[in-house]
Amino acid sequence: MSKLFSFSGSDNFFPGGSIYPNPKESSLFFSLGHHVDVYFPHHKRSRFSPPIVFSGERVEKKNPSIEILPDECLFEIFRRLPGGQERSSCACVSKRWLTLLSNIHRDEINDNNKGGVVSKVEYQDVEGDGYLSRVLEGKKATNVRLAAIAVGTASRGGLGKLSIRGSNSTCGVTNVGLRAISRGCPSLRVLSLWDSSSVGDQGLCEIADGCHQLEKLDLCHCPAITDKSLLAVAKGCPNLKDLTIEGCANIGNEGLQALARCCPNLKAISIKDCPLIRDQGIVSMLSSASFTLTKIKLQALNITDVSLAVIGHYGKAVTDLSLISLPNVSEKGFWVMGNGHGLQKLKSFAVTSCRGVTDLGLEAVGKGCPNLKQLCLHKCAFLSDKGLVSFAKTASSLESLQLEECHRITQFGFFGSLLNCGAKLKAFSLVNCYGIKDLNLGLPSVLPCKSLRSLSIRNCPGFGDASLAALGKLCPQLEHVELSGLHGISDAGFLPLLETREADLVKVNLSGCVNLSDKAVCIMADLHGWTLEMLNLEGCKISDASLVAIAKNCQFLSDLDVSKCAITDSGIAALARSNQIKLQILSMSGCSKVSDKSMPSLLKLGQTLLGLNLQQCKAISSSAVDLLVEQLWRFPFIKDLLLDFESR
């Protein structure tokens, strides 16, 4: 080294031999580039500055930087850092360091803690089911963020849930990002990929290779993922319990067959709109997971009656079954499924837009599923009153029945199912069923359906006063009543329902019943006010008289909706004067007669309010609302006030 400092500039600096007595020391001298007159041996990396640079006759000393080190050296340094917090801090320096740190596999980290004492993590960001969860949506879904998550969560218990929804259009999530997760997050249990067109088989194979604890996989609209990925997941993730595949056009039977062979703990599957998946894949899945699979959802698939027959025979552990838009499944499929005697544990069954649901098919399901508690039928065009009544007679364990857009169901089917249901039916819902006509049926003298607690009838134009009066006699124990959008309901039908109650009403929704008046509301408040907790009167023909009755009798009411009603400032003042009412939600949308004069009353009510809706209240000025907001926020016990007001 002395030869370097004695060099004057006129002597021959390099006569031909090495300046180091030990040639191995020459590796300590690196090249700065072609423009610097300095000795350096041949080296495949020539992009780094030496600590000493010669320029003419002067020796310049430069401050050494760790950035001159090659990736291999930084990699060795990073993997020897004492803890996760240190690695996280280093990842904040640059994208280069972040990339290097995210590519360090957990097994490659050198544990210097030889004392056997595990340091306690001071800060734990534990969420949900006991492990960290992260969600990346839209522009935030990038490879750089995934790398940061992989490094940052390592020191806080490890990432357990990752959801990627959408992707950045310019630098979105690709296989590189999933590679970082696979290396830094071996504890990953839940992975969701939605609309990730740039993620392919390579990325998911990396996950399968590095995240062996994966239990739930959700793939939605990932066109680049094929059966190859599912084969890798089947081999690398034997603990998989929950699988969702939606809109993946290149996933077919082979992937499902591999999962059926290698994932003995599979409990739930949901498959939608995958044209390559047919009966073979479903049959393999059901036959292999006969004693573990509890939840099945099949939607918009090219399967036939064969798949339903296999479900009916092998679905010994199935408790929840949902079949939606299966055009190739016929009445025979449902009949065979019901008579397969395999669905003994089925508790919830939902069918939408399946032409195979007929009277014969539904009756078979009722007989073959003795423990069925909940049935939801939507758009079942071939189901009639006969099938519904036959099902009600056989389904002795049924607790909830929902019918939506089943237009062949009439008054006879509705009341017939109530008369013939078992003693466990608690809830009945009838929505958009246009076959309902308001007929005076003259129901026979039978035992009432005392088990029914909740009734919801929405947007059934033919349901009127005669039906409602008969319903009051048949179901005296109702506590939750929803009669929404029923223009045929008036005081004449609603009052008998109130007067025949053996139980007191708790929640009542009368929105859209434009022919109900103050008389019905006042009597309801008088008879059931002390138990009412929620009351929706949107669009009803009521005035301040109803609010006065509510303020007087409904001391436990917490949710009140009087939108589009003819109430005025006097009605709001009556609510505010009541010392017993403690409203939390108040909606007055579209109440054009409420003005700025109600601001003091709203301020008093605001002491307990969590939500206030003043949209379309045209008589209330913006300045009055601004002042109200400012004053309401002064209450120290109000944690979250939602003020919904449309500025003009």
Foldseek 3Di string as FASTA:
>chain_A
DVLVVPDQQPDDSPPDDDPDPDVVVLVLAAACDDVFPDDHDDDPDRNADHQWGDDRRDIDGDDDDPVRDDLVVLLVVLLADAALVVLLVQLVPDLSSLLSSLQAAPVSRDHPPVVPDDDDQPDAPADDPGFAEDEAEEDRAALSVLSSLLSNCLRHHAHAYYAYAAFYPPGTDALNSLLSCLRRGLNHAYYAYANPQRYALNSLLSNLQRNQNHAEYHYYQHQRYALSSLLSNLVRHLNHAYYEEYNHQHYAQNSLLSNLVRHQQHAEYAYEDHARYEQNSLLSNQQSNLPHHAYYHYYHYAYELSSLLSCLQRNQRHAYYEYEHHARYALVSLLNSLPNLRQQNHAEYEYEPYQNDALNSLLSNLQSHQQHAYYAYYQHAHYALNSLLSSQQRNQNYAEYHYYQHQRYEPNSVVSSQQRHHLRHAEYEAYHHQNYAQDQPVDDDDAANANHAEYAYEDHARDALNNLLVNLQRYQAYAHYHDEQHCRYALNRLVSSLVSHPHAHAEYHYANNARYELVSLLVNLVRRQCRYAYYEQHNYAYELSSLLSNLVRNLNHAYYEHEPYQYALVSLQSNLPRPRHQYAYYEHAQNQRYALSNLVSVLSSLLRYQEYEHENNVRYAPVSVVVSVVSSVVNPPHDHYHYHYDHD
